[in-house]
Amino acid sequence: MSKLRIVFVGTGGIALRHSNFLKDCPDAEIVGGCDVSEENVKGLWDRTWVDGEASARPPAFTDIGRMFDQTNPEAVVICTPHTLHYEHCVQALERGCHVLVEKPMVTRAEDAYALRKAVKEAGTTFVIGFNTPCSAEFAYIRGAIRDKTLGDLQQVCGFLAQPWLRILDRLGGWRLNPELSGGGQAYDSGAHILNSLCWSVESDVAKVQAFADKRSTSIQT
């Protein structure tokens, strides 16, 4: 059985978790990576393959089209800044690739509908990187809500304990730029809270109310 040929678009942060898993998967082969600089890609490979495995490291690219042409991938892992997801997903689908894109899928409703249409036309597998459906604790919560183990559902509270504000204000980066992040915490780890809510209660959102506070950070407006 041939291995699934996989490339990475975006090689920072979360990409390492995917690359560490895929390099040891007998049915997968990482054949390339693309980022704004080759150094970024090589940095991911350095953290994925230990010394002595240099020959296993795929090539690095800064041009997505060139990477597709030279590696002929069958699947793409997209770990780029949020507002770039739509563009990169479409490029992958147009090449007939399966797609795993990190959350959030997109940051605009019109892009979500357009991407849904593109996925149907491509006929390939499209997955968003939410881990809630894969966790035992949320499987239990969903089952308890569905079976009314504890009675009728009255209220759901979600709390995210993460030093996101302190870390990002100190380190900077694209998450503090709305042109790339699409917004603040709600588009970042906060997306997990929303997905967990919808998945657990098995219901669509009817109404949304929100407020934002920059908390005196350097986040651009």
N, C-alpha and C. Protein backbone atom coordinates (compact mmCIF):
# COMPACT_ATOMS: atom_id res chain seq x y z
N MET A 1 0.85 -1.20 0.00
CA MET A 1 0.00 0.00 0.00
C MET A 1 0.88 1.24 0.00
N SER A 2 0.62 2.16 -0.92
CA SER A 2 1.42 3.38 -1.00
C SER A 2 1.07 4.34 0.12
N LYS A 3 2.02 5.16 0.50
CA LYS A 3 1.80 6.12 1.57
C LYS A 3 1.14 7.39 1.03
N LEU A 4 0.34 8.02 1.88
CA LEU A 4 -0.31 9.28 1.52
C LEU A 4 0.74 10.39 1.56
N ARG A 5 0.90 11.09 0.46
CA ARG A 5 1.90 12.15 0.36
C ARG A 5 1.32 13.46 0.93
N ILE A 6 1.99 14.00 1.95
CA ILE A 6 1.45 15.14 2.70
C ILE A 6 2.44 16.29 2.70
N VAL A 7 1.93 17.51 2.54
CA VAL A 7 2.74 18.71 2.67
C VAL A 7 2.15 19.61 3.74
N PHE A 8 2.98 20.50 4.26
CA PHE A 8 2.57 21.47 5.27
C PHE A 8 2.57 22.87 4.67
N VAL A 9 1.51 23.63 4.92
CA VAL A 9 1.47 25.04 4.58
C VAL A 9 1.37 25.79 5.91
N GLY A 10 2.46 26.44 6.30
CA GLY A 10 2.57 27.02 7.63
C GLY A 10 3.26 26.03 8.55
N THR A 11 4.40 26.44 9.13
CA THR A 11 5.20 25.47 9.88
C THR A 11 5.54 25.92 11.30
N GLY A 12 4.76 26.82 11.86
CA GLY A 12 5.02 27.26 13.23
C GLY A 12 4.18 26.49 14.23
N GLY A 13 4.41 26.77 15.51
CA GLY A 13 3.58 26.30 16.60
C GLY A 13 2.95 24.93 16.47
N ILE A 14 1.66 24.92 16.18
CA ILE A 14 0.86 23.70 16.18
C ILE A 14 1.31 22.70 15.13
N ALA A 15 2.02 23.15 14.11
CA ALA A 15 2.46 22.24 13.05
C ALA A 15 3.32 21.11 13.60
N LEU A 16 4.05 21.38 14.68
CA LEU A 16 4.93 20.36 15.26
C LEU A 16 4.14 19.16 15.77
N ARG A 17 2.98 19.39 16.33
CA ARG A 17 2.17 18.27 16.83
C ARG A 17 1.75 17.37 15.68
N HIS A 18 1.38 17.99 14.56
CA HIS A 18 0.98 17.20 13.39
C HIS A 18 2.18 16.47 12.78
N SER A 19 3.30 17.16 12.65
CA SER A 19 4.47 16.54 12.02
C SER A 19 5.02 15.39 12.86
N ASN A 20 5.01 15.53 14.18
CA ASN A 20 5.50 14.45 15.04
C ASN A 20 4.63 13.19 14.91
N PHE A 21 3.35 13.38 14.74
CA PHE A 21 2.46 12.23 14.56
C PHE A 21 2.64 11.62 13.18
N LEU A 22 2.66 12.46 12.16
CA LEU A 22 2.68 11.96 10.79
C LEU A 22 4.00 11.29 10.41
N LYS A 23 5.09 11.74 10.98
CA LYS A 23 6.38 11.13 10.62
C LYS A 23 6.46 9.69 11.08
N ASP A 24 5.69 9.33 12.10
CA ASP A 24 5.68 7.97 12.62
C ASP A 24 4.49 7.15 12.13
N CYS A 25 3.65 7.76 11.30
CA CYS A 25 2.48 7.07 10.77
C CYS A 25 2.90 6.22 9.57
N PRO A 26 2.68 4.92 9.60
CA PRO A 26 3.14 4.06 8.50
C PRO A 26 2.43 4.31 7.17
N ASP A 27 1.28 4.98 7.22
CA ASP A 27 0.52 5.22 5.99
C ASP A 27 0.72 6.62 5.42
N ALA A 28 1.63 7.39 6.03
CA ALA A 28 1.82 8.78 5.61
C ALA A 28 3.29 9.07 5.34
N GLU A 29 3.51 10.04 4.45
CA GLU A 29 4.86 10.51 4.15
C GLU A 29 4.84 12.03 3.96
N ILE A 30 5.59 12.74 4.78
CA ILE A 30 5.69 14.20 4.63
C ILE A 30 6.68 14.49 3.51
N VAL A 31 6.23 15.18 2.47
CA VAL A 31 7.08 15.38 1.30
C VAL A 31 7.47 16.84 1.07
N GLY A 32 6.99 17.76 1.91
CA GLY A 32 7.37 19.16 1.74
C GLY A 32 6.70 20.07 2.75
N GLY A 33 7.26 21.27 2.87
CA GLY A 33 6.69 22.27 3.76
C GLY A 33 6.91 23.65 3.19
N CYS A 34 5.94 24.54 3.43
CA CYS A 34 6.02 25.90 2.88
C CYS A 34 5.71 26.92 3.96
N ASP A 35 6.50 27.99 3.99
CA ASP A 35 6.29 29.09 4.93
C ASP A 35 6.87 30.35 4.31
N VAL A 36 6.83 31.45 5.04
CA VAL A 36 7.33 32.72 4.51
C VAL A 36 8.85 32.70 4.37
N SER A 37 9.52 31.77 5.02
CA SER A 37 10.97 31.62 4.86
C SER A 37 11.34 30.15 4.97
N GLU A 38 12.38 29.75 4.25
CA GLU A 38 12.82 28.36 4.32
C GLU A 38 13.32 28.02 5.72
N GLU A 39 13.85 29.03 6.43
CA GLU A 39 14.34 28.79 7.79
C GLU A 39 13.22 28.32 8.70
N ASN A 40 12.01 28.88 8.51
CA ASN A 40 10.87 28.46 9.32
C ASN A 40 10.56 26.98 9.10
N VAL A 41 10.58 26.58 7.84
CA VAL A 41 10.29 25.18 7.51
C VAL A 41 11.37 24.26 8.08
N LYS A 42 12.61 24.64 7.86
CA LYS A 42 13.71 23.82 8.36
C LYS A 42 13.70 23.74 9.88
N GLY A 43 13.23 24.80 10.52
CA GLY A 43 13.11 24.78 11.97
C GLY A 43 12.12 23.72 12.43
N LEU A 44 11.00 23.57 11.69
CA LEU A 44 10.03 22.53 12.01
C LEU A 44 10.64 21.16 11.81
N TRP A 45 11.34 20.98 10.71
CA TRP A 45 11.97 19.67 10.45
C TRP A 45 13.02 19.35 11.51
N ASP A 46 13.76 20.36 11.97
CA ASP A 46 14.77 20.14 13.02
C ASP A 46 14.13 19.62 14.30
N ARG A 47 12.92 20.09 14.59
CA ARG A 47 12.23 19.67 15.81
C ARG A 47 11.46 18.37 15.62
N THR A 48 11.27 17.97 14.35
CA THR A 48 10.52 16.76 14.05
C THR A 48 11.44 15.55 13.92
N TRP A 49 12.57 15.72 13.23
CA TRP A 49 13.51 14.64 13.04
C TRP A 49 14.76 14.89 13.87
N VAL A 50 15.17 13.91 14.65
CA VAL A 50 16.34 14.06 15.50
C VAL A 50 17.60 13.92 14.67
N ASP A 51 18.75 14.25 15.27
CA ASP A 51 20.03 14.12 14.58
C ASP A 51 20.20 12.69 14.10
N GLY A 52 20.73 12.56 12.90
CA GLY A 52 20.90 11.25 12.32
C GLY A 52 19.78 10.90 11.36
N GLU A 53 18.74 11.74 11.32
CA GLU A 53 17.62 11.50 10.41
C GLU A 53 17.54 12.60 9.37
N ALA A 54 18.65 13.28 9.13
CA ALA A 54 18.65 14.41 8.21
C ALA A 54 18.17 14.03 6.82
N SER A 55 18.45 12.81 6.39
CA SER A 55 18.06 12.38 5.05
C SER A 55 16.55 12.26 4.90
N ALA A 56 15.84 12.18 6.03
CA ALA A 56 14.38 12.04 5.98
C ALA A 56 13.67 13.37 5.89
N ARG A 57 14.40 14.46 6.03
CA ARG A 57 13.76 15.78 6.06
C ARG A 57 13.36 16.23 4.66
N PRO A 58 12.10 16.59 4.49
CA PRO A 58 11.61 17.00 3.17
C PRO A 58 12.15 18.37 2.77
N PRO A 59 11.98 18.75 1.52
CA PRO A 59 12.42 20.07 1.07
C PRO A 59 11.58 21.20 1.64
N ALA A 60 12.17 22.38 1.68
CA ALA A 60 11.49 23.57 2.19
C ALA A 60 11.18 24.52 1.04
N PHE A 61 10.02 25.16 1.09
CA PHE A 61 9.58 26.07 0.03
C PHE A 61 9.03 27.36 0.63
N THR A 62 9.05 28.40 -0.19
CA THR A 62 8.40 29.66 0.17
C THR A 62 7.28 30.00 -0.81
N ASP A 63 7.11 29.17 -1.84
CA ASP A 63 6.07 29.37 -2.84
C ASP A 63 5.17 28.13 -2.87
N ILE A 64 3.90 28.32 -2.57
CA ILE A 64 2.99 27.18 -2.47
C ILE A 64 2.84 26.47 -3.81
N GLY A 65 2.66 27.23 -4.87
CA GLY A 65 2.49 26.63 -6.19
C GLY A 65 3.68 25.77 -6.58
N ARG A 66 4.87 26.28 -6.31
CA ARG A 66 6.09 25.53 -6.62
C ARG A 66 6.15 24.24 -5.80
N MET A 67 5.75 24.34 -4.55
CA MET A 67 5.75 23.14 -3.71
C MET A 67 4.78 22.09 -4.25
N PHE A 68 3.59 22.51 -4.62
CA PHE A 68 2.62 21.57 -5.18
C PHE A 68 3.16 20.91 -6.46
N ASP A 69 3.75 21.73 -7.32
CA ASP A 69 4.26 21.21 -8.59
C ASP A 69 5.38 20.19 -8.39
N GLN A 70 6.25 20.44 -7.42
CA GLN A 70 7.43 19.60 -7.25
C GLN A 70 7.20 18.39 -6.35
N THR A 71 6.20 18.46 -5.48
CA THR A 71 5.99 17.36 -4.53
C THR A 71 4.77 16.49 -4.86
N ASN A 72 3.86 17.01 -5.66
CA ASN A 72 2.66 16.27 -6.05
C ASN A 72 1.95 15.65 -4.84
N PRO A 73 1.51 16.47 -3.90
CA PRO A 73 0.90 15.94 -2.67
C PRO A 73 -0.52 15.45 -2.88
N GLU A 74 -0.95 14.60 -1.96
CA GLU A 74 -2.33 14.12 -1.95
C GLU A 74 -3.12 14.72 -0.79
N ALA A 75 -2.41 15.29 0.19
CA ALA A 75 -3.06 15.89 1.34
C ALA A 75 -2.23 17.06 1.84
N VAL A 76 -2.91 18.02 2.46
CA VAL A 76 -2.25 19.24 2.93
C VAL A 76 -2.66 19.52 4.37
N VAL A 77 -1.68 19.85 5.20
CA VAL A 77 -1.93 20.30 6.57
C VAL A 77 -1.70 21.81 6.59
N ILE A 78 -2.73 22.58 6.92
CA ILE A 78 -2.66 24.04 6.88
C ILE A 78 -2.61 24.61 8.29
N CYS A 79 -1.51 25.27 8.61
CA CYS A 79 -1.29 25.83 9.95
C CYS A 79 -0.87 27.29 9.86
N THR A 80 -1.45 28.01 8.93
CA THR A 80 -1.10 29.41 8.72
C THR A 80 -1.98 30.32 9.59
N PRO A 81 -1.67 31.62 9.65
CA PRO A 81 -2.54 32.56 10.38
C PRO A 81 -3.99 32.48 9.89
N HIS A 82 -4.90 32.76 10.78
CA HIS A 82 -6.32 32.52 10.55
C HIS A 82 -6.88 33.09 9.26
N THR A 83 -6.58 34.34 8.95
CA THR A 83 -7.20 34.97 7.79
C THR A 83 -6.67 34.43 6.47
N LEU A 84 -5.61 33.63 6.51
CA LEU A 84 -5.05 33.04 5.30
C LEU A 84 -5.60 31.65 5.02
N HIS A 85 -6.38 31.12 5.96
CA HIS A 85 -6.87 29.75 5.82
C HIS A 85 -7.69 29.55 4.55
N TYR A 86 -8.59 30.49 4.27
CA TYR A 86 -9.46 30.32 3.11
C TYR A 86 -8.66 30.19 1.82
N GLU A 87 -7.75 31.12 1.61
CA GLU A 87 -6.94 31.11 0.39
C GLU A 87 -6.16 29.81 0.26
N HIS A 88 -5.54 29.37 1.34
CA HIS A 88 -4.71 28.17 1.28
C HIS A 88 -5.56 26.91 1.13
N CYS A 89 -6.73 26.88 1.75
CA CYS A 89 -7.63 25.74 1.57
C CYS A 89 -8.08 25.61 0.13
N VAL A 90 -8.45 26.72 -0.48
CA VAL A 90 -8.89 26.70 -1.87
C VAL A 90 -7.78 26.22 -2.79
N GLN A 91 -6.56 26.70 -2.55
CA GLN A 91 -5.43 26.26 -3.37
C GLN A 91 -5.23 24.75 -3.27
N ALA A 92 -5.36 24.22 -2.07
CA ALA A 92 -5.19 22.78 -1.87
C ALA A 92 -6.32 22.00 -2.54
N LEU A 93 -7.55 22.47 -2.40
CA LEU A 93 -8.69 21.78 -2.99
C LEU A 93 -8.62 21.80 -4.51
N GLU A 94 -8.16 22.90 -5.07
CA GLU A 94 -8.03 22.99 -6.52
C GLU A 94 -7.01 22.00 -7.06
N ARG A 95 -6.10 21.56 -6.19
CA ARG A 95 -5.11 20.56 -6.58
C ARG A 95 -5.61 19.14 -6.31
N GLY A 96 -6.86 19.04 -5.85
CA GLY A 96 -7.43 17.73 -5.59
C GLY A 96 -6.93 17.08 -4.32
N CYS A 97 -6.50 17.89 -3.35
CA CYS A 97 -5.92 17.36 -2.12
C CYS A 97 -6.94 17.25 -0.99
N HIS A 98 -6.73 16.28 -0.12
CA HIS A 98 -7.44 16.25 1.15
C HIS A 98 -6.85 17.35 2.02
N VAL A 99 -7.65 17.88 2.94
CA VAL A 99 -7.21 19.04 3.72
C VAL A 99 -7.47 18.83 5.21
N LEU A 100 -6.46 19.12 6.02
CA LEU A 100 -6.62 19.30 7.46
C LEU A 100 -6.22 20.74 7.74
N VAL A 101 -7.18 21.57 8.14
CA VAL A 101 -6.89 22.97 8.43
C VAL A 101 -7.12 23.22 9.91
N GLU A 102 -6.20 23.96 10.50
CA GLU A 102 -6.34 24.31 11.91
C GLU A 102 -7.53 25.26 12.10
N LYS A 103 -8.05 25.24 13.32
CA LYS A 103 -9.14 26.15 13.64
C LYS A 103 -8.60 27.59 13.76
N PRO A 104 -9.44 28.59 13.54
CA PRO A 104 -10.78 28.49 12.97
C PRO A 104 -10.69 28.24 11.48
N MET A 105 -11.70 27.59 10.93
CA MET A 105 -11.66 27.27 9.50
C MET A 105 -11.43 28.53 8.67
N VAL A 106 -12.28 29.53 8.88
CA VAL A 106 -12.15 30.83 8.23
C VAL A 106 -12.60 31.91 9.21
N THR A 107 -12.49 33.16 8.82
CA THR A 107 -12.88 34.25 9.71
C THR A 107 -14.01 35.10 9.15
N ARG A 108 -14.56 34.71 8.00
CA ARG A 108 -15.69 35.45 7.42
C ARG A 108 -16.75 34.45 6.98
N ALA A 109 -18.00 34.79 7.21
CA ALA A 109 -19.10 33.89 6.87
C ALA A 109 -19.13 33.58 5.38
N GLU A 110 -18.90 34.59 4.55
CA GLU A 110 -18.95 34.36 3.10
C GLU A 110 -17.88 33.38 2.64
N ASP A 111 -16.72 33.41 3.32
CA ASP A 111 -15.67 32.46 2.99
C ASP A 111 -16.06 31.04 3.41
N ALA A 112 -16.79 30.93 4.51
CA ALA A 112 -17.23 29.62 4.98
C ALA A 112 -18.15 28.97 3.95
N TYR A 113 -19.11 29.75 3.44
CA TYR A 113 -20.03 29.20 2.44
C TYR A 113 -19.30 28.87 1.14
N ALA A 114 -18.39 29.73 0.73
CA ALA A 114 -17.63 29.49 -0.50
C ALA A 114 -16.74 28.25 -0.36
N LEU A 115 -16.16 28.07 0.82
CA LEU A 115 -15.30 26.93 1.05
C LEU A 115 -16.11 25.64 1.08
N ARG A 116 -17.28 25.70 1.66
CA ARG A 116 -18.17 24.53 1.67
C ARG A 116 -18.47 24.08 0.24
N LYS A 117 -18.71 25.03 -0.64
CA LYS A 117 -18.98 24.72 -2.04
C LYS A 117 -17.74 24.12 -2.70
N ALA A 118 -16.57 24.69 -2.41
CA ALA A 118 -15.33 24.19 -3.00
C ALA A 118 -15.03 22.77 -2.57
N VAL A 119 -15.33 22.44 -1.31
CA VAL A 119 -15.10 21.08 -0.80
C VAL A 119 -16.00 20.09 -1.53
N LYS A 120 -17.26 20.45 -1.73
CA LYS A 120 -18.18 19.58 -2.44
C LYS A 120 -17.72 19.34 -3.87
N GLU A 121 -17.24 20.39 -4.52
CA GLU A 121 -16.79 20.26 -5.90
C GLU A 121 -15.52 19.41 -5.98
N ALA A 122 -14.66 19.53 -5.00
CA ALA A 122 -13.41 18.77 -5.01
C ALA A 122 -13.65 17.29 -4.71
N GLY A 123 -14.62 17.00 -3.86
CA GLY A 123 -14.92 15.62 -3.51
C GLY A 123 -13.87 14.96 -2.65
N THR A 124 -13.06 15.76 -1.97
CA THR A 124 -12.01 15.23 -1.10
C THR A 124 -12.40 15.39 0.36
N THR A 125 -11.60 14.80 1.23
CA THR A 125 -11.87 14.90 2.67
C THR A 125 -11.37 16.23 3.22
N PHE A 126 -12.21 16.88 4.02
CA PHE A 126 -11.87 18.19 4.59
C PHE A 126 -12.13 18.13 6.09
N VAL A 127 -11.10 18.40 6.89
CA VAL A 127 -11.19 18.29 8.34
C VAL A 127 -10.68 19.56 9.00
N ILE A 128 -11.39 20.02 10.03
CA ILE A 128 -10.95 21.18 10.82
C ILE A 128 -10.33 20.67 12.11
N GLY A 129 -9.21 21.27 12.52
CA GLY A 129 -8.46 20.77 13.66
C GLY A 129 -9.05 21.06 15.02
N PHE A 130 -10.25 20.54 15.27
CA PHE A 130 -10.85 20.61 16.61
C PHE A 130 -10.67 19.26 17.28
N ASN A 131 -10.24 19.27 18.54
CA ASN A 131 -9.97 18.01 19.22
C ASN A 131 -11.09 17.55 20.16
N THR A 132 -12.13 18.35 20.33
CA THR A 132 -13.23 17.97 21.23
C THR A 132 -13.83 16.60 20.92
N PRO A 133 -14.16 16.30 19.65
CA PRO A 133 -14.78 15.00 19.35
C PRO A 133 -13.85 13.81 19.60
N CYS A 134 -12.58 14.07 19.83
CA CYS A 134 -11.61 13.00 20.03
C CYS A 134 -11.27 12.79 21.50
N SER A 135 -11.91 13.50 22.40
CA SER A 135 -11.56 13.42 23.81
C SER A 135 -12.62 12.67 24.61
N ALA A 136 -12.15 11.83 25.53
CA ALA A 136 -13.06 11.00 26.31
C ALA A 136 -13.99 11.82 27.20
N GLU A 137 -13.46 12.92 27.76
CA GLU A 137 -14.28 13.72 28.67
C GLU A 137 -15.47 14.36 27.97
N PHE A 138 -15.25 14.86 26.74
CA PHE A 138 -16.36 15.48 26.03
C PHE A 138 -17.31 14.44 25.47
N ALA A 139 -16.81 13.25 25.17
CA ALA A 139 -17.70 12.17 24.75
C ALA A 139 -18.66 11.82 25.89
N TYR A 140 -18.14 11.82 27.12
CA TYR A 140 -18.99 11.55 28.28
C TYR A 140 -20.03 12.66 28.46
N ILE A 141 -19.57 13.92 28.37
CA ILE A 141 -20.47 15.06 28.55
C ILE A 141 -21.59 15.03 27.51
N ARG A 142 -21.23 14.76 26.26
CA ARG A 142 -22.24 14.72 25.21
C ARG A 142 -23.25 13.60 25.46
N GLY A 143 -22.74 12.46 25.87
CA GLY A 143 -23.63 11.34 26.15
C GLY A 143 -24.56 11.63 27.32
N ALA A 144 -24.03 12.30 28.35
CA ALA A 144 -24.85 12.63 29.52
C ALA A 144 -25.94 13.62 29.16
N ILE A 145 -25.62 14.58 28.28
CA ILE A 145 -26.62 15.55 27.84
C ILE A 145 -27.68 14.87 26.97
N ARG A 146 -27.21 14.03 26.06
CA ARG A 146 -28.13 13.35 25.13
C ARG A 146 -29.09 12.41 25.88
N ASP A 147 -28.55 11.67 26.87
CA ASP A 147 -29.35 10.69 27.60
C ASP A 147 -30.05 11.28 28.82
N LYS A 148 -29.78 12.56 29.08
CA LYS A 148 -30.34 13.23 30.26
C LYS A 148 -29.97 12.50 31.55
N THR A 149 -28.72 12.06 31.61
CA THR A 149 -28.24 11.34 32.78
C THR A 149 -28.40 12.16 34.05
N LEU A 150 -28.20 13.45 33.92
CA LEU A 150 -28.31 14.35 35.08
C LEU A 150 -29.57 15.22 35.01
N GLY A 151 -30.48 14.85 34.14
CA GLY A 151 -31.70 15.64 33.96
C GLY A 151 -31.61 16.52 32.73
N ASP A 152 -32.60 17.39 32.57
CA ASP A 152 -32.62 18.30 31.42
C ASP A 152 -31.49 19.32 31.52
N LEU A 153 -30.91 19.64 30.38
CA LEU A 153 -29.85 20.65 30.33
C LEU A 153 -30.43 22.03 30.64
N GLN A 154 -29.85 22.72 31.60
CA GLN A 154 -30.31 24.04 32.00
C GLN A 154 -29.35 25.14 31.59
N GLN A 155 -28.06 24.88 31.71
CA GLN A 155 -27.07 25.92 31.44
C GLN A 155 -25.72 25.28 31.16
N VAL A 156 -24.94 25.92 30.31
CA VAL A 156 -23.58 25.48 30.02
C VAL A 156 -22.63 26.64 30.26
N CYS A 157 -21.57 26.41 31.01
CA CYS A 157 -20.56 27.44 31.26
C CYS A 157 -19.21 26.94 30.74
N GLY A 158 -18.51 27.78 30.02
CA GLY A 158 -17.18 27.43 29.54
C GLY A 158 -16.16 28.41 30.10
N PHE A 159 -15.04 27.89 30.54
CA PHE A 159 -14.00 28.74 31.10
C PHE A 159 -12.66 28.31 30.53
N LEU A 160 -11.93 29.28 30.01
CA LEU A 160 -10.63 28.99 29.40
C LEU A 160 -9.54 29.60 30.27
N ALA A 161 -8.75 28.76 30.92
CA ALA A 161 -7.67 29.22 31.78
C ALA A 161 -6.36 29.14 31.01
N GLN A 162 -5.95 30.24 30.45
CA GLN A 162 -4.76 30.28 29.61
C GLN A 162 -4.12 31.67 29.68
N PRO A 163 -2.81 31.76 29.87
CA PRO A 163 -2.15 33.08 29.95
C PRO A 163 -1.93 33.68 28.57
N TRP A 164 -2.97 33.63 27.74
CA TRP A 164 -2.88 34.08 26.35
C TRP A 164 -2.48 35.54 26.26
N LEU A 165 -3.11 36.37 27.09
CA LEU A 165 -2.85 37.81 27.04
C LEU A 165 -1.40 38.12 27.38
N ARG A 166 -0.91 37.55 28.46
CA ARG A 166 0.46 37.82 28.90
C ARG A 166 1.50 37.30 27.91
N ILE A 167 1.30 36.11 27.43
CA ILE A 167 2.27 35.50 26.51
C ILE A 167 2.35 36.26 25.21
N LEU A 168 1.21 36.55 24.61
CA LEU A 168 1.23 37.19 23.29
C LEU A 168 1.65 38.65 23.37
N ASP A 169 1.30 39.34 24.43
CA ASP A 169 1.71 40.73 24.55
C ASP A 169 3.23 40.83 24.73
N ARG A 170 3.82 39.77 25.28
CA ARG A 170 5.27 39.76 25.46
C ARG A 170 5.99 39.32 24.20
N LEU A 171 5.45 38.30 23.53
CA LEU A 171 6.13 37.73 22.37
C LEU A 171 5.76 38.42 21.05
N GLY A 172 4.60 39.06 21.02
CA GLY A 172 4.16 39.68 19.78
C GLY A 172 3.76 38.63 18.76
N GLY A 173 3.99 38.91 17.48
CA GLY A 173 3.65 37.95 16.44
C GLY A 173 2.32 38.24 15.78
N TRP A 174 1.96 37.38 14.84
CA TRP A 174 0.79 37.62 14.01
C TRP A 174 -0.53 37.60 14.78
N ARG A 175 -0.59 36.95 15.91
CA ARG A 175 -1.85 36.89 16.66
C ARG A 175 -2.28 38.25 17.19
N LEU A 176 -1.38 39.19 17.27
CA LEU A 176 -1.73 40.54 17.72
C LEU A 176 -2.07 41.46 16.56
N ASN A 177 -2.09 40.92 15.36
CA ASN A 177 -2.42 41.70 14.18
C ASN A 177 -3.74 41.18 13.60
N PRO A 178 -4.85 41.91 13.77
CA PRO A 178 -6.15 41.45 13.29
C PRO A 178 -6.20 41.14 11.80
N GLU A 179 -5.30 41.74 11.01
CA GLU A 179 -5.28 41.44 9.58
C GLU A 179 -4.88 39.98 9.32
N LEU A 180 -4.18 39.39 10.27
CA LEU A 180 -3.77 37.99 10.15
C LEU A 180 -4.56 37.07 11.08
N SER A 181 -4.86 37.58 12.28
CA SER A 181 -5.55 36.74 13.26
C SER A 181 -7.06 36.76 13.08
N GLY A 182 -7.58 37.83 12.49
CA GLY A 182 -9.03 37.97 12.33
C GLY A 182 -9.71 38.54 13.55
N GLY A 183 -9.01 38.57 14.67
CA GLY A 183 -9.60 39.06 15.91
C GLY A 183 -8.73 38.64 17.08
N GLY A 184 -9.33 38.50 18.24
CA GLY A 184 -8.57 38.17 19.44
C GLY A 184 -8.75 36.74 19.88
N GLN A 185 -8.93 36.55 21.17
CA GLN A 185 -8.97 35.22 21.76
C GLN A 185 -10.12 34.36 21.22
N ALA A 186 -11.22 34.99 20.83
CA ALA A 186 -12.35 34.22 20.33
C ALA A 186 -11.99 33.44 19.07
N TYR A 187 -11.09 33.98 18.26
CA TYR A 187 -10.66 33.28 17.05
C TYR A 187 -9.53 32.30 17.35
N ASP A 188 -8.91 32.43 18.50
CA ASP A 188 -7.77 31.58 18.83
C ASP A 188 -8.25 30.40 19.68
N SER A 189 -7.75 30.27 20.87
CA SER A 189 -8.16 29.14 21.72
C SER A 189 -9.65 29.20 22.05
N GLY A 190 -10.22 30.40 22.03
CA GLY A 190 -11.64 30.54 22.29
C GLY A 190 -12.51 29.75 21.32
N ALA A 191 -11.98 29.50 20.12
CA ALA A 191 -12.74 28.72 19.14
C ALA A 191 -13.01 27.31 19.65
N HIS A 192 -12.12 26.80 20.49
CA HIS A 192 -12.32 25.46 21.06
C HIS A 192 -13.53 25.45 21.99
N ILE A 193 -13.71 26.54 22.75
CA ILE A 193 -14.84 26.63 23.66
C ILE A 193 -16.16 26.60 22.87
N LEU A 194 -16.23 27.38 21.80
CA LEU A 194 -17.45 27.44 21.01
C LEU A 194 -17.73 26.09 20.34
N ASN A 195 -16.69 25.48 19.78
CA ASN A 195 -16.88 24.19 19.14
C ASN A 195 -17.32 23.12 20.15
N SER A 196 -16.70 23.18 21.34
CA SER A 196 -17.06 22.21 22.38
C SER A 196 -18.52 22.35 22.79
N LEU A 197 -18.98 23.60 22.88
CA LEU A 197 -20.37 23.86 23.24
C LEU A 197 -21.31 23.28 22.19
N CYS A 198 -21.09 23.64 20.92
CA CYS A 198 -21.98 23.19 19.85
C CYS A 198 -21.97 21.67 19.70
N TRP A 199 -20.79 21.08 19.82
CA TRP A 199 -20.67 19.63 19.65
C TRP A 199 -21.34 18.89 20.80
N SER A 200 -21.17 19.40 22.00
CA SER A 200 -21.69 18.70 23.18
C SER A 200 -23.22 18.75 23.26
N VAL A 201 -23.79 19.91 22.93
CA VAL A 201 -25.25 20.04 23.05
C VAL A 201 -25.96 19.67 21.75
N GLU A 202 -25.20 19.44 20.68
CA GLU A 202 -25.76 19.02 19.39
C GLU A 202 -26.86 19.97 18.91
N SER A 203 -26.52 21.26 18.95
CA SER A 203 -27.50 22.27 18.56
C SER A 203 -26.80 23.44 17.89
N ASP A 204 -27.49 24.08 16.98
CA ASP A 204 -26.95 25.26 16.31
C ASP A 204 -27.07 26.48 17.23
N VAL A 205 -26.25 27.48 16.94
CA VAL A 205 -26.30 28.74 17.68
C VAL A 205 -27.51 29.56 17.20
N ALA A 206 -28.30 30.06 18.14
CA ALA A 206 -29.48 30.86 17.79
C ALA A 206 -29.21 32.35 17.93
N LYS A 207 -28.40 32.74 18.91
CA LYS A 207 -28.17 34.15 19.16
C LYS A 207 -26.80 34.31 19.83
N VAL A 208 -26.11 35.39 19.47
CA VAL A 208 -24.77 35.64 20.02
C VAL A 208 -24.70 37.07 20.56
N GLN A 209 -24.12 37.22 21.72
CA GLN A 209 -23.86 38.53 22.29
C GLN A 209 -22.45 38.51 22.84
N ALA A 210 -21.70 39.57 22.60
CA ALA A 210 -20.29 39.57 23.01
C ALA A 210 -19.81 40.98 23.31
N PHE A 211 -18.68 41.06 24.01
CA PHE A 211 -17.99 42.33 24.19
C PHE A 211 -16.50 42.07 24.13
N ALA A 212 -15.72 43.08 23.83
CA ALA A 212 -14.27 42.94 23.69
C ALA A 212 -13.56 43.97 24.55
N ASP A 213 -12.41 43.58 25.06
CA ASP A 213 -11.61 44.46 25.89
C ASP A 213 -10.14 44.22 25.56
N LYS A 214 -9.44 45.25 25.11
CA LYS A 214 -8.03 45.10 24.75
C LYS A 214 -7.13 44.97 25.96
N ARG A 215 -7.64 45.31 27.13
CA ARG A 215 -6.88 45.18 28.38
C ARG A 215 -5.53 45.89 28.32
N SER A 216 -5.49 47.04 27.64
CA SER A 216 -4.27 47.88 27.57
C SER A 216 -3.11 47.15 26.89
N THR A 217 -3.41 46.22 26.00
CA THR A 217 -2.35 45.51 25.28
C THR A 217 -1.95 46.28 24.03
N SER A 218 -0.96 45.73 23.33
CA SER A 218 -0.48 46.36 22.10
C SER A 218 -1.23 45.86 20.88
N ILE A 219 -2.34 45.15 21.06
CA ILE A 219 -3.11 44.63 19.96
C ILE A 219 -3.57 45.78 19.07
N GLN A 220 -3.34 45.63 17.76
CA GLN A 220 -3.69 46.68 16.83
C GLN A 220 -5.19 46.74 16.66
N THR A 221 -5.70 47.92 16.31
CA THR A 221 -7.13 48.07 16.07
C THR A 221 -7.40 48.22 14.60
